[in-house]
């Protein structure tokens, strides 16, 4: 288990290759919950094809481009066994709360450098007033068309999102949380791209 303040890598792995990697500061790592923080300015690696970021496509070939996480400070709450993370977003400029985000993803797995999962394309954005909208439903349909998911798998992905919306796990109690002022931005560790 990781301790508060440690740097742990969050990676999205597809077809046995790293698709996205970003170092996070560990806030909590317990048998029930993993809480990870990423601040604007943190280096990351993102999959690209033809120089453009890859989103929901079924591409099997990509390069990894170094990026800098920007626009938001994010706290990711991930319960072991859940096929989603619940994320809190604060705007980079004024640190105002922007809303919650449900990332539908494979259940979290431990790795030698942190945690691995993979994105399942469909997401939900929740405004501070609690109103919500689907995000990337068109990309999920495209991923089915391209053969990344079957219709049955896509339906289970949608059902996972619907379960979260029905449970309405927001507010979370973390909305006023702030990082320690002395924390430095984490770096990508050596071997981040080795699965």
C-alpha atoms as a PDB file:
ATOM      1  CA  UNK A   1       0.000   0.000   0.000  1.00  0.00           C
ATOM      2  CA  UNK A   2       1.034   3.564  -0.644  1.00  0.00           C
ATOM      3  CA  UNK A   3       1.275   6.259   2.031  1.00  0.00           C
ATOM      4  CA  UNK A   4      -0.162   9.777   2.004  1.00  0.00           C
ATOM      5  CA  UNK A   5       2.118  12.060  -0.001  1.00  0.00           C
ATOM      6  CA  UNK A   6       3.733   9.260  -2.043  1.00  0.00           C
ATOM      7  CA  UNK A   7       3.858   9.524  -5.819  1.00  0.00           C
ATOM      8  CA  UNK A   8       1.948   6.727  -7.568  1.00  0.00           C
ATOM      9  CA  UNK A   9       1.487   6.327 -11.287  1.00  0.00           C
ATOM     10  CA  UNK A  10      -2.019   5.995 -12.739  1.00  0.00           C
ATOM     11  CA  UNK A  11      -1.851   4.222 -16.097  1.00  0.00           C
ATOM     12  CA  UNK A  12      -4.457   3.285 -18.667  1.00  0.00           C
ATOM     13  CA  UNK A  13      -3.400   0.018 -20.336  1.00  0.00           C
ATOM     14  CA  UNK A  14      -4.923  -1.318 -23.553  1.00  0.00           C
ATOM     15  CA  UNK A  15      -3.822  -4.286 -25.657  1.00  0.00           C
ATOM     16  CA  UNK A  16      -0.894  -4.737 -23.262  1.00  0.00           C
ATOM     17  CA  UNK A  17       0.492  -1.230 -23.871  1.00  0.00           C
ATOM     18  CA  UNK A  18       0.412   2.035 -21.951  1.00  0.00           C
ATOM     19  CA  UNK A  19      -2.144   4.395 -23.426  1.00  0.00           C
ATOM     20  CA  UNK A  20      -1.995   7.152 -20.807  1.00  0.00           C
ATOM     21  CA  UNK A  21       0.179   7.662 -17.740  1.00  0.00           C
ATOM     22  CA  UNK A  22       0.241  10.386 -15.124  1.00  0.00           C
ATOM     23  CA  UNK A  23       1.888  10.596 -11.714  1.00  0.00           C
ATOM     24  CA  UNK A  24      -0.442  11.423  -8.826  1.00  0.00           C
ATOM     25  CA  UNK A  25       0.012  12.233  -5.165  1.00  0.00           C
ATOM     26  CA  UNK A  26      -1.539   9.542  -2.974  1.00  0.00           C
ATOM     27  CA  UNK A  27      -4.053  10.910  -0.491  1.00  0.00           C
ATOM     28  CA  UNK A  28      -5.450   7.567   0.668  1.00  0.00           C
ATOM     29  CA  UNK A  29      -4.777   3.926  -0.125  1.00  0.00           C
ATOM     30  CA  UNK A  30      -6.985   1.679   1.990  1.00  0.00           C
ATOM     31  CA  UNK A  31      -8.686  -1.686   1.429  1.00  0.00           C
ATOM     32  CA  UNK A  32     -11.847   0.213   0.439  1.00  0.00           C
ATOM     33  CA  UNK A  33     -10.706   3.348  -1.363  1.00  0.00           C
ATOM     34  CA  UNK A  34      -7.856   4.880  -3.353  1.00  0.00           C
ATOM     35  CA  UNK A  35      -7.721   8.687  -3.499  1.00  0.00           C
ATOM     36  CA  UNK A  36      -5.270  10.270  -5.941  1.00  0.00           C
ATOM     37  CA  UNK A  37      -4.557  13.935  -6.673  1.00  0.00           C
ATOM     38  CA  UNK A  38      -3.166  15.528  -9.838  1.00  0.00           C
ATOM     39  CA  UNK A  39      -2.484  19.236 -10.111  1.00  0.00           C
ATOM     40  CA  UNK A  40      -2.188  21.435 -13.172  1.00  0.00           C
ATOM     41  CA  UNK A  41       1.402  21.443 -14.421  1.00  0.00           C
ATOM     42  CA  UNK A  42       2.007  17.736 -13.765  1.00  0.00           C
ATOM     43  CA  UNK A  43       3.793  15.936 -16.622  1.00  0.00           C
ATOM     44  CA  UNK A  44       1.926  13.075 -18.283  1.00  0.00           C
ATOM     45  CA  UNK A  45       2.049  10.833 -21.349  1.00  0.00           C
ATOM     46  CA  UNK A  46      -0.895  10.563 -23.752  1.00  0.00           C
ATOM     47  CA  UNK A  47      -1.545   8.273 -26.719  1.00  0.00           C
ATOM     48  CA  UNK A  48      -1.562   9.939 -30.113  1.00  0.00           C
ATOM     49  CA  UNK A  49      -2.101   8.710 -33.653  1.00  0.00           C
ATOM     50  CA  UNK A  50      -1.133  10.916 -36.596  1.00  0.00           C
ATOM     51  CA  UNK A  51      -0.169  13.525 -34.002  1.00  0.00           C
ATOM     52  CA  UNK A  52      -3.703  13.774 -32.599  1.00  0.00           C
ATOM     53  CA  UNK A  53      -4.869  12.494 -29.192  1.00  0.00           C
ATOM     54  CA  UNK A  54      -6.678   9.163 -29.382  1.00  0.00           C
ATOM     55  CA  UNK A  55      -9.990   9.055 -27.571  1.00  0.00           C
ATOM     56  CA  UNK A  56     -12.559   6.262 -27.937  1.00  0.00           C
ATOM     57  CA  UNK A  57     -11.226   4.756 -31.134  1.00  0.00           C
ATOM     58  CA  UNK A  58     -10.241   1.130 -31.438  1.00  0.00           C
ATOM     59  CA  UNK A  59      -6.728   1.978 -32.676  1.00  0.00           C
ATOM     60  CA  UNK A  60      -4.123  -0.638 -31.863  1.00  0.00           C
ATOM     61  CA  UNK A  61      -1.160   1.507 -32.881  1.00  0.00           C
ATOM     62  CA  UNK A  62      -0.221   4.736 -31.166  1.00  0.00           C
ATOM     63  CA  UNK A  63       2.716   6.742 -29.987  1.00  0.00           C
ATOM     64  CA  UNK A  64       2.990   8.348 -26.577  1.00  0.00           C
ATOM     65  CA  UNK A  65       3.430  12.101 -26.419  1.00  0.00           C
ATOM     66  CA  UNK A  66       4.565  13.967 -23.331  1.00  0.00           C
ATOM     67  CA  UNK A  67       1.956  16.463 -22.175  1.00  0.00           C
ATOM     68  CA  UNK A  68       1.339  18.683 -19.184  1.00  0.00           C
ATOM     69  CA  UNK A  69      -1.877  18.234 -17.214  1.00  0.00           C
ATOM     70  CA  UNK A  70      -3.696  21.583 -17.348  1.00  0.00           C
ATOM     71  CA  UNK A  71      -6.930  23.454 -16.670  1.00  0.00           C
ATOM     72  CA  UNK A  72      -8.030  21.567 -13.549  1.00  0.00           C
ATOM     73  CA  UNK A  73      -6.849  20.184 -10.262  1.00  0.00           C
ATOM     74  CA  UNK A  74      -8.419  16.729  -9.913  1.00  0.00           C
ATOM     75  CA  UNK A  75      -9.047  14.406  -6.975  1.00  0.00           C
ATOM     76  CA  UNK A  76      -9.895  10.846  -8.057  1.00  0.00           C
ATOM     77  CA  UNK A  77     -11.916   8.643  -5.688  1.00  0.00           C
ATOM     78  CA  UNK A  78     -11.727   5.003  -6.756  1.00  0.00           C
ATOM     79  CA  UNK A  79     -13.368   2.207  -4.767  1.00  0.00           C
ATOM     80  CA  UNK A  80     -11.805  -1.211  -5.207  1.00  0.00           C
ATOM     81  CA  UNK A  81     -13.909  -3.367  -7.518  1.00  0.00           C
ATOM     82  CA  UNK A  82     -15.900  -0.455  -8.992  1.00  0.00           C
ATOM     83  CA  UNK A  83     -15.850   0.033 -12.761  1.00  0.00           C
ATOM     84  CA  UNK A  84     -15.612   3.811 -12.440  1.00  0.00           C
ATOM     85  CA  UNK A  85     -13.861   6.606 -10.631  1.00  0.00           C
ATOM     86  CA  UNK A  86     -15.618   9.623  -9.162  1.00  0.00           C
ATOM     87  CA  UNK A  87     -13.506  12.705  -9.719  1.00  0.00           C
ATOM     88  CA  UNK A  88     -13.684  16.220  -8.301  1.00  0.00           C
ATOM     89  CA  UNK A  89     -12.508  19.091 -10.521  1.00  0.00           C
ATOM     90  CA  UNK A  90     -11.299  22.539  -9.419  1.00  0.00           C
ATOM     91  CA  UNK A  91     -10.407  25.263 -11.938  1.00  0.00           C
ATOM     92  CA  UNK A  92      -6.680  25.949 -12.199  1.00  0.00           C
ATOM     93  CA  UNK A  93      -6.907  29.743 -12.208  1.00  0.00           C
ATOM     94  CA  UNK A  94      -8.982  30.415  -9.097  1.00  0.00           C
ATOM     95  CA  UNK A  95      -9.332  26.930  -7.518  1.00  0.00           C
ATOM     96  CA  UNK A  96     -13.130  27.197  -7.663  1.00  0.00           C
ATOM     97  CA  UNK A  97     -15.052  23.937  -7.673  1.00  0.00           C
ATOM     98  CA  UNK A  98     -16.034  23.063 -11.254  1.00  0.00           C
ATOM     99  CA  UNK A  99     -17.979  19.817 -10.753  1.00  0.00           C
ATOM    100  CA  UNK A 100     -17.749  16.050 -10.550  1.00  0.00           C
ATOM    101  CA  UNK A 101     -16.790  13.620 -13.279  1.00  0.00           C
ATOM    102  CA  UNK A 102     -17.541   9.918 -13.502  1.00  0.00           C
ATOM    103  CA  UNK A 103     -14.936   8.092 -15.540  1.00  0.00           C
ATOM    104  CA  UNK A 104     -16.268   4.644 -16.503  1.00  0.00           C
ATOM    105  CA  UNK A 105     -13.206   2.417 -16.463  1.00  0.00           C
ATOM    106  CA  UNK A 106     -11.971  -1.062 -15.701  1.00  0.00           C
ATOM    107  CA  UNK A 107     -11.661  -1.829 -11.975  1.00  0.00           C
ATOM    108  CA  UNK A 108      -8.361  -0.603 -10.554  1.00  0.00           C
ATOM    109  CA  UNK A 109      -5.376  -2.975 -10.367  1.00  0.00           C
ATOM    110  CA  UNK A 110      -2.147  -2.499  -8.448  1.00  0.00           C
ATOM    111  CA  UNK A 111       1.092  -2.246 -10.422  1.00  0.00           C
ATOM    112  CA  UNK A 112       4.716  -1.935  -9.374  1.00  0.00           C
ATOM    113  CA  UNK A 113       4.558   1.858  -9.874  1.00  0.00           C
ATOM    114  CA  UNK A 114       1.004   2.553  -8.730  1.00  0.00           C
ATOM    115  CA  UNK A 115      -2.302   1.627 -10.320  1.00  0.00           C
ATOM    116  CA  UNK A 116      -3.513   0.425 -13.721  1.00  0.00           C
ATOM    117  CA  UNK A 117      -6.936   0.497 -15.375  1.00  0.00           C
ATOM    118  CA  UNK A 118      -8.313   1.288 -18.828  1.00  0.00           C
ATOM    119  CA  UNK A 119     -10.827   3.862 -19.908  1.00  0.00           C
ATOM    120  CA  UNK A 120     -14.178   2.509 -21.123  1.00  0.00           C
ATOM    121  CA  UNK A 121     -14.968   5.658 -23.141  1.00  0.00           C
ATOM    122  CA  UNK A 122     -18.320   6.713 -21.650  1.00  0.00           C
ATOM    123  CA  UNK A 123     -18.252   9.378 -18.937  1.00  0.00           C
ATOM    124  CA  UNK A 124     -20.607  11.629 -16.997  1.00  0.00           C
ATOM    125  CA  UNK A 125     -20.137  15.305 -16.132  1.00  0.00           C
ATOM    126  CA  UNK A 126     -21.993  16.616 -13.061  1.00  0.00           C
ATOM    127  CA  UNK A 127     -22.384  20.352 -12.508  1.00  0.00           C
ATOM    128  CA  UNK A 128     -22.042  21.811  -8.987  1.00  0.00           C
ATOM    129  CA  UNK A 129     -25.868  22.033  -8.849  1.00  0.00           C
ATOM    130  CA  UNK A 130     -26.084  18.237  -9.370  1.00  0.00           C
ATOM    131  CA  UNK A 131     -27.383  18.298 -12.945  1.00  0.00           C
ATOM    132  CA  UNK A 132     -25.560  15.817 -15.158  1.00  0.00           C
ATOM    133  CA  UNK A 133     -24.927  14.893 -18.783  1.00  0.00           C
ATOM    134  CA  UNK A 134     -23.405  11.940 -20.617  1.00  0.00           C
ATOM    135  CA  UNK A 135     -20.029  12.595 -22.194  1.00  0.00           C
ATOM    136  CA  UNK A 136     -18.578  10.711 -25.193  1.00  0.00           C
ATOM    137  CA  UNK A 137     -21.656   8.579 -25.988  1.00  0.00           C
ATOM    138  CA  UNK A 138     -20.824   9.113 -29.663  1.00  0.00           C
ATOM    139  CA  UNK A 139     -17.330   7.726 -29.094  1.00  0.00           C
ATOM    140  CA  UNK A 140     -18.765   4.630 -27.404  1.00  0.00           C
ATOM    141  CA  UNK A 141     -20.970   4.012 -30.444  1.00  0.00           C
ATOM    142  CA  UNK A 142     -17.933   4.466 -32.693  1.00  0.00           C
ATOM    143  CA  UNK A 143     -15.889   2.051 -30.547  1.00  0.00           C
ATOM    144  CA  UNK A 144     -18.635  -0.575 -31.041  1.00  0.00           C
ATOM    145  CA  UNK A 145     -18.657   0.063 -34.786  1.00  0.00           C
ATOM    146  CA  UNK A 146     -14.876  -0.369 -34.897  1.00  0.00           C
ATOM    147  CA  UNK A 147     -14.993  -3.593 -32.874  1.00  0.00           C
ATOM    148  CA  UNK A 148     -13.409  -2.456 -29.622  1.00  0.00           C
ATOM    149  CA  UNK A 149     -16.587  -3.381 -27.718  1.00  0.00           C
ATOM    150  CA  UNK A 150     -19.515  -5.638 -28.507  1.00  0.00           C
ATOM    151  CA  UNK A 151     -23.049  -4.253 -28.175  1.00  0.00           C
ATOM    152  CA  UNK A 152     -23.393  -6.262 -24.935  1.00  0.00           C
ATOM    153  CA  UNK A 153     -20.189  -4.749 -23.520  1.00  0.00           C
ATOM    154  CA  UNK A 154     -21.317  -1.254 -24.474  1.00  0.00           C
ATOM    155  CA  UNK A 155     -24.643  -1.869 -22.734  1.00  0.00           C
ATOM    156  CA  UNK A 156     -22.815  -2.913 -19.538  1.00  0.00           C
ATOM    157  CA  UNK A 157     -20.700   0.255 -19.760  1.00  0.00           C
ATOM    158  CA  UNK A 158     -23.900   2.338 -20.033  1.00  0.00           C
ATOM    159  CA  UNK A 159     -25.420   0.384 -17.111  1.00  0.00           C
ATOM    160  CA  UNK A 160     -22.394   1.197 -14.955  1.00  0.00           C
ATOM    161  CA  UNK A 161     -22.938   4.890 -15.622  1.00  0.00           C
ATOM    162  CA  UNK A 162     -26.654   4.551 -14.894  1.00  0.00           C
ATOM    163  CA  UNK A 163     -25.879   2.824 -11.562  1.00  0.00           C
ATOM    164  CA  UNK A 164     -23.681   5.742 -10.532  1.00  0.00           C
ATOM    165  CA  UNK A 165     -26.300   8.314 -11.527  1.00  0.00           C
ATOM    166  CA  UNK A 166     -28.979   6.392  -9.589  1.00  0.00           C
ATOM    167  CA  UNK A 167     -26.730   6.266  -6.493  1.00  0.00           C
ATOM    168  CA  UNK A 168     -25.840   9.991  -6.799  1.00  0.00           C
ATOM    169  CA  UNK A 169     -22.639   9.716  -4.726  1.00  0.00           C
ATOM    170  CA  UNK A 170     -22.130  13.474  -4.782  1.00  0.00           C
ATOM    171  CA  UNK A 171     -21.403  15.565  -2.854  1.00  0.00           C
ATOM    172  CA  UNK A 172     -18.605  13.370  -1.593  1.00  0.00           C
ATOM    173  CA  UNK A 173     -17.385  15.217   1.489  1.00  0.00           C
ATOM    174  CA  UNK A 174     -14.119  15.993  -0.333  1.00  0.00           C
ATOM    175  CA  UNK A 175     -15.314  19.213  -1.991  1.00  0.00           C
ATOM    176  CA  UNK A 176     -13.405  21.483   0.444  1.00  0.00           C
ATOM    177  CA  UNK A 177     -10.233  19.369   0.404  1.00  0.00           C
ATOM    178  CA  UNK A 178      -7.000  21.131  -0.497  1.00  0.00           C
ATOM    179  CA  UNK A 179      -3.517  19.682  -1.179  1.00  0.00           C
ATOM    180  CA  UNK A 180      -0.657  20.313   1.205  1.00  0.00           C
ATOM    181  CA  UNK A 181       1.032  23.573   0.212  1.00  0.00           C
ATOM    182  CA  UNK A 182       4.492  21.978   0.382  1.00  0.00           C
ATOM    183  CA  UNK A 183       3.817  19.208  -2.141  1.00  0.00           C
ATOM    184  CA  UNK A 184       5.841  19.452  -5.322  1.00  0.00           C
ATOM    185  CA  UNK A 185       4.503  18.320  -8.676  1.00  0.00           C
ATOM    186  CA  UNK A 186       5.298  14.619  -9.178  1.00  0.00           C
ATOM    187  CA  UNK A 187       7.320  13.384 -12.143  1.00  0.00           C
ATOM    188  CA  UNK A 188       6.853  10.350 -14.375  1.00  0.00           C
ATOM    189  CA  UNK A 189       9.004   7.642 -12.763  1.00  0.00           C
ATOM    190  CA  UNK A 190      11.585   5.598 -14.640  1.00  0.00           C
ATOM    191  CA  UNK A 191       9.953   2.622 -16.343  1.00  0.00           C
ATOM    192  CA  UNK A 192       6.520   4.261 -16.480  1.00  0.00           C
ATOM    193  CA  UNK A 193       5.998   2.878 -20.000  1.00  0.00           C
ATOM    194  CA  UNK A 194       6.873  -0.757 -19.196  1.00  0.00           C
ATOM    195  CA  UNK A 195       3.848  -2.990 -18.589  1.00  0.00           C
END
